C-alpha atoms as a PDB file:
ATOM      1  CA  MET A   1      21.053 -42.090   2.247  1.00  0.00           C
ATOM      2  CA  ILE A   2      20.776 -39.348   5.426  1.00  0.00           C
ATOM      3  CA  LYS A   3      23.128 -37.325   3.766  1.00  0.00           C
ATOM      4  CA  ALA A   4      21.064 -36.911   0.725  1.00  0.00           C
ATOM      5  CA  ALA A   5      18.076 -36.561   2.709  1.00  0.00           C
ATOM      6  CA  PHE A   6      19.406 -33.657   4.743  1.00  0.00           C
ATOM      7  CA  SER A   7      20.852 -31.831   1.472  1.00  0.00           C
ATOM      8  CA  VAL A   8      17.615 -32.228  -0.193  1.00  0.00           C
ATOM      9  CA  LEU A   9      15.809 -31.070   3.232  1.00  0.00           C
ATOM     10  CA  LEU A  10      19.131 -27.834   2.975  1.00  0.00           C
ATOM     11  CA  VAL A  11      17.733 -26.900  -0.598  1.00  0.00           C
ATOM     12  CA  LEU A  12      13.956 -26.749   0.474  1.00  0.00           C
ATOM     13  CA  VAL A  13      14.704 -24.572   3.464  1.00  0.00           C
ATOM     14  CA  ALA A  14      16.736 -22.346   1.428  1.00  0.00           C
ATOM     15  CA  MET A  15      14.187 -22.116  -1.633  1.00  0.00           C
ATOM     16  CA  SER A  16      11.175 -21.623   0.981  1.00  0.00           C
ATOM     17  CA  SER A  17      13.107 -18.315   2.187  1.00  0.00           C
ATOM     18  CA  ILE A  18      13.538 -17.038  -0.839  1.00  0.00           C
ATOM     19  CA  PHE A  19      10.129 -17.152  -1.672  1.00  0.00           C
ATOM     20  CA  ALA A  20       9.056 -15.876   1.357  1.00  0.00           C
ATOM     21  CA  LYS A  21       6.155 -12.572   1.921  1.00  0.00           C
ATOM     22  CA  TYR A  22       6.749  -9.715   4.112  1.00  0.00           C
ATOM     23  CA  ILE A  23       5.843 -10.532   7.577  1.00  0.00           C
ATOM     24  CA  PRO A  24       5.533  -8.105  10.245  1.00  0.00           C
ATOM     25  CA  LYS A  25       7.652  -7.685  13.332  1.00  0.00           C
ATOM     26  CA  THR A  26       4.761  -8.770  15.274  1.00  0.00           C
ATOM     27  CA  GLY A  27       4.029 -12.266  13.493  1.00  0.00           C
ATOM     28  CA  LYS A  28       1.975 -13.276  10.588  1.00  0.00           C
ATOM     29  CA  ARG A  29      -1.278 -12.022  10.814  1.00  0.00           C
ATOM     30  CA  ILE A  30      -4.746 -13.511  10.066  1.00  0.00           C
ATOM     31  CA  PRO A  31      -5.663 -11.799   6.483  1.00  0.00           C
ATOM     32  CA  GLN A  32      -8.189  -9.208   6.795  1.00  0.00           C
ATOM     33  CA  THR A  33     -11.117  -9.320   3.769  1.00  0.00           C
ATOM     34  CA  LEU A  34     -10.873  -5.484   3.762  1.00  0.00           C
ATOM     35  CA  SER A  35      -7.120  -5.724   2.512  1.00  0.00           C
ATOM     36  CA  ARG A  36      -9.217  -7.163  -0.992  1.00  0.00           C
ATOM     37  CA  GLY A  37      -5.642  -8.334  -2.091  1.00  0.00           C
ATOM     38  CA  TRP A  38      -3.820  -5.288  -1.564  1.00  0.00           C
ATOM     39  CA  GLY A  39      -1.439  -6.620   1.252  1.00  0.00           C
ATOM     40  CA  ASP A  40      -2.948  -9.537   3.482  1.00  0.00           C
ATOM     41  CA  GLN A  41      -0.508  -8.534   6.407  1.00  0.00           C
ATOM     42  CA  LEU A  42      -1.418  -4.796   6.710  1.00  0.00           C
ATOM     43  CA  ILE A  43      -4.055  -3.686   8.979  1.00  0.00           C
ATOM     44  CA  TRP A  44      -6.819  -1.485   6.637  1.00  0.00           C
ATOM     45  CA  ALA A  45      -9.116   0.935   7.868  1.00  0.00           C
ATOM     46  CA  GLN A  46     -12.643   0.324   6.895  1.00  0.00           C
ATOM     47  CA  THR A  47     -13.812   3.986   6.518  1.00  0.00           C
ATOM     48  CA  TYR A  48     -12.063   7.201   5.087  1.00  0.00           C
ATOM     49  CA  GLU A  49     -13.292   8.425   8.435  1.00  0.00           C
ATOM     50  CA  GLU A  50     -11.463   5.803  10.638  1.00  0.00           C
ATOM     51  CA  ALA A  51      -8.432   6.196   8.147  1.00  0.00           C
ATOM     52  CA  LEU A  52      -8.307   9.478   9.527  1.00  0.00           C
ATOM     53  CA  PHE A  53      -8.893   8.880  13.055  1.00  0.00           C
ATOM     54  CA  TRP A  54      -5.694   6.549  13.008  1.00  0.00           C
ATOM     55  CA  SER A  55      -3.759   8.795  10.589  1.00  0.00           C
ATOM     56  CA  ARG A  56      -4.028  11.947  13.817  1.00  0.00           C
ATOM     57  CA  SER A  57      -3.631   9.282  16.659  1.00  0.00           C
ATOM     58  CA  ARG A  58      -0.693   7.657  15.072  1.00  0.00           C
ATOM     59  CA  ASN A  59       0.648  10.576  13.650  1.00  0.00           C
ATOM     60  CA  LYS A  60       1.390   8.321  10.628  1.00  0.00           C
ATOM     61  CA  PRO A  61       0.016   9.794   6.893  1.00  0.00           C
ATOM     62  CA  VAL A  62      -2.840   7.794   5.060  1.00  0.00           C
ATOM     63  CA  MET A  63      -2.505   6.137   1.448  1.00  0.00           C
ATOM     64  CA  VAL A  64      -5.655   5.941   0.031  1.00  0.00           C
ATOM     65  CA  ILE A  65      -6.327   3.649  -2.727  1.00  0.00           C
ATOM     66  CA  PHE A  66      -9.122   3.874  -4.910  1.00  0.00           C
ATOM     67  CA  HIS A  67      -9.846   0.910  -7.474  1.00  0.00           C
ATOM     68  CA  LEU A  68     -12.400  -1.635  -9.133  1.00  0.00           C
ATOM     69  CA  GLU A  69     -12.774  -5.306  -8.452  1.00  0.00           C
ATOM     70  CA  ASP A  70     -13.014  -5.756 -12.168  1.00  0.00           C
ATOM     71  CA  CYS A  71     -10.596  -3.781 -13.863  1.00  0.00           C
ATOM     72  CA  PRO A  72      -7.540  -4.797 -15.391  1.00  0.00           C
ATOM     73  CA  HIS A  73      -5.535  -1.930 -14.738  1.00  0.00           C
ATOM     74  CA  SER A  74      -6.657  -2.373 -11.101  1.00  0.00           C
ATOM     75  CA  GLN A  75      -5.654  -5.944 -10.791  1.00  0.00           C
ATOM     76  CA  ALA A  76      -2.494  -5.580 -12.595  1.00  0.00           C
ATOM     77  CA  LEU A  77      -1.053  -2.961  -9.911  1.00  0.00           C
ATOM     78  CA  LYS A  78      -2.790  -4.938  -7.163  1.00  0.00           C
ATOM     79  CA  LYS A  79      -0.721  -8.209  -8.087  1.00  0.00           C
ATOM     80  CA  VAL A  80       2.719  -6.215  -7.954  1.00  0.00           C
ATOM     81  CA  PHE A  81       1.649  -4.073  -4.960  1.00  0.00           C
ATOM     82  CA  SER A  82       1.340  -6.927  -2.844  1.00  0.00           C
ATOM     83  CA  GLU A  83       4.324  -8.934  -3.777  1.00  0.00           C
ATOM     84  CA  ASP A  84       6.629  -6.170  -3.221  1.00  0.00           C
ATOM     85  CA  ASP A  85       7.988  -6.421   0.650  1.00  0.00           C
ATOM     86  CA  GLN A  86       9.814  -3.288   0.687  1.00  0.00           C
ATOM     87  CA  LEU A  87       6.462  -1.569   0.157  1.00  0.00           C
ATOM     88  CA  GLN A  88       4.631  -3.740   2.590  1.00  0.00           C
ATOM     89  CA  LYS A  89       7.080  -3.158   5.097  1.00  0.00           C
ATOM     90  CA  ILE A  90       7.096   0.866   4.766  1.00  0.00           C
ATOM     91  CA  LEU A  91       3.551   0.496   4.364  1.00  0.00           C
ATOM     92  CA  ASP A  92       3.265  -1.554   7.818  1.00  0.00           C
ATOM     93  CA  GLU A  93       5.225   0.702  10.039  1.00  0.00           C
ATOM     94  CA  ASP A  94       4.924   4.078   8.562  1.00  0.00           C
ATOM     95  CA  PHE A  95       1.361   4.574   7.144  1.00  0.00           C
ATOM     96  CA  THR A  96      -2.516   3.950   7.461  1.00  0.00           C
ATOM     97  CA  VAL A  97      -4.082   2.281   4.697  1.00  0.00           C
ATOM     98  CA  LEU A  98      -7.322   2.376   3.177  1.00  0.00           C
ATOM     99  CA  ASN A  99      -8.611   0.979  -0.210  1.00  0.00           C
ATOM    100  CA  LEU A 100     -11.742   1.915  -1.480  1.00  0.00           C
ATOM    101  CA  VAL A 101     -14.009   0.403  -4.461  1.00  0.00           C
ATOM    102  CA  TYR A 102     -16.495   3.182  -4.484  1.00  0.00           C
ATOM    103  CA  GLU A 103     -15.645   7.355  -4.522  1.00  0.00           C
ATOM    104  CA  THR A 104     -16.055   9.365  -1.524  1.00  0.00           C
ATOM    105  CA  THR A 105     -18.340  12.444  -0.965  1.00  0.00           C
ATOM    106  CA  ASP A 106     -14.602  14.231  -0.321  1.00  0.00           C
ATOM    107  CA  LYS A 107     -14.211  15.959  -3.209  1.00  0.00           C
ATOM    108  CA  HIS A 108     -10.367  16.553  -2.410  1.00  0.00           C
ATOM    109  CA  LEU A 109      -9.828  13.173  -2.760  1.00  0.00           C
ATOM    110  CA  SER A 110     -10.782  13.396  -6.909  1.00  0.00           C
ATOM    111  CA  PRO A 111      -8.760  16.631  -7.876  1.00  0.00           C
ATOM    112  CA  ASP A 112      -7.960  15.444 -11.225  1.00  0.00           C
ATOM    113  CA  GLY A 113     -11.178  13.269 -11.739  1.00  0.00           C
ATOM    114  CA  GLN A 114     -12.763  10.031 -10.428  1.00  0.00           C
ATOM    115  CA  TYR A 115     -10.573   7.102 -12.229  1.00  0.00           C
ATOM    116  CA  VAL A 116      -8.836   3.725 -10.715  1.00  0.00           C
ATOM    117  CA  PRO A 117      -6.768   3.009  -9.733  1.00  0.00           C
ATOM    118  CA  ARG A 118      -5.834   5.880  -8.210  1.00  0.00           C
ATOM    119  CA  ILE A 119      -3.600   6.343  -5.153  1.00  0.00           C
ATOM    120  CA  LEU A 120      -3.459   9.834  -3.010  1.00  0.00           C
ATOM    121  CA  PHE A 121      -1.791  10.724   0.240  1.00  0.00           C
ATOM    122  CA  VAL A 122      -3.513  12.477   3.490  1.00  0.00           C
ATOM    123  CA  ASP A 123      -1.461  13.617   6.378  1.00  0.00           C
ATOM    124  CA  PRO A 124      -2.736  13.527   9.926  1.00  0.00           C
ATOM    125  CA  SER A 125      -3.989  17.492   9.826  1.00  0.00           C
ATOM    126  CA  MET A 126      -6.129  15.945   7.012  1.00  0.00           C
ATOM    127  CA  THR A 127      -4.770  17.500   3.952  1.00  0.00           C
ATOM    128  CA  VAL A 128      -4.935  15.677   1.254  1.00  0.00           C
ATOM    129  CA  ARG A 129      -1.556  15.856  -0.781  1.00  0.00           C
ATOM    130  CA  ALA A 130      -2.455  16.863  -3.933  1.00  0.00           C
ATOM    131  CA  ASP A 131       1.485  17.909  -4.351  1.00  0.00           C
ATOM    132  CA  ILE A 132       2.350  13.599  -4.418  1.00  0.00           C
ATOM    133  CA  ASN A 133       1.717  12.552  -7.616  1.00  0.00           C
ATOM    134  CA  GLY A 134       2.713   9.971 -10.165  1.00  0.00           C
ATOM    135  CA  ARG A 135       4.440  10.543 -13.530  1.00  0.00           C
ATOM    136  CA  TYR A 136       0.856  11.216 -15.743  1.00  0.00           C
ATOM    137  CA  ALA A 137      -0.193  14.769 -16.624  1.00  0.00           C
ATOM    138  CA  ASN A 138      -3.689  13.407 -17.570  1.00  0.00           C
ATOM    139  CA  ARG A 139      -3.696  11.068 -14.806  1.00  0.00           C
ATOM    140  CA  MET A 140      -1.411  12.699 -11.975  1.00  0.00           C
ATOM    141  CA  TYR A 141      -2.556  10.163  -9.277  1.00  0.00           C
ATOM    142  CA  ALA A 142      -2.345   6.646 -11.445  1.00  0.00           C
ATOM    143  CA  TYR A 143       0.145   4.384 -10.782  1.00  0.00           C
ATOM    144  CA  GLU A 144       1.134   1.244 -13.329  1.00  0.00           C
ATOM    145  CA  PRO A 145       2.877  -1.951 -12.396  1.00  0.00           C
ATOM    146  CA  SER A 146       5.889  -0.596 -13.681  1.00  0.00           C
ATOM    147  CA  ASP A 147       5.830   2.608 -11.661  1.00  0.00           C
ATOM    148  CA  ILE A 148       5.972   0.865  -8.020  1.00  0.00           C
ATOM    149  CA  SER A 149      10.071   2.128  -7.514  1.00  0.00           C
ATOM    150  CA  LEU A 150       8.075   5.821  -8.127  1.00  0.00           C
ATOM    151  CA  LEU A 151       5.089   5.067  -5.659  1.00  0.00           C
ATOM    152  CA  ILE A 152       7.626   4.180  -3.394  1.00  0.00           C
ATOM    153  CA  SER A 153       9.315   6.742  -3.810  1.00  0.00           C
ATOM    154  CA  ASN A 154       6.662   9.096  -2.885  1.00  0.00           C
ATOM    155  CA  MET A 155       5.451   7.136   0.188  1.00  0.00           C
ATOM    156  CA  GLN A 156       9.017   8.209   1.248  1.00  0.00           C
ATOM    157  CA  LYS A 157       8.221  11.936   0.414  1.00  0.00           C
ATOM    158  CA  ALA A 158       4.997  11.532   2.424  1.00  0.00           C
ATOM    159  CA  LYS A 159       6.498  10.481   5.187  1.00  0.00           C
ATOM    160  CA  LYS A 160       9.500  13.074   4.826  1.00  0.00           C
ATOM    161  CA  LEU A 161       7.207  15.953   4.089  1.00  0.00           C
ATOM    162  CA  LEU A 162       4.819  15.186   7.789  1.00  0.00           C
ATOM    163  CA  LYS A 163       8.421  15.173   9.749  1.00  0.00           C
ATOM    164  CA  SER A 164       9.357  18.695   8.290  1.00  0.00           C
ATOM    165  CA  GLU A 165       5.607  20.201   8.224  1.00  0.00           C
ATOM    166  CA  LEU A 166       4.385  18.856  11.770  1.00  0.00           C
END
């Protein structure tokens, strides 16, 4: 009987580790309302200006996500984005993150129009990296759920450009 209970306990522990989400090195954090579901364990900037300040002071690029709460494309990307542990880990360790449900006054953040979802990178020198884009010619900064590997690749590119240019 004890052996059976121990076996069940072992299986439950093994299953829970399979479904574990990304947890930062500093330990589990209280979910922020600023995450809006894009990554509850990440520390999100509240405004574009705050993200730029953090970027300069920490020497990390900014990832800016434009989305709408009621947009089905934004919702689909958010689901995959928040569940990808590799992406969440890279963001937590190497990026300042900001998600916006409104447009900013900075026209550099909409180089090919205002659509959602749209993801852009800004380096600590406050340069919008228009050269880091997705796979669509008509929506250069759009990503779909199937584009997560391309997004991770572009995140690596943003990190690499940061180190080579500064």
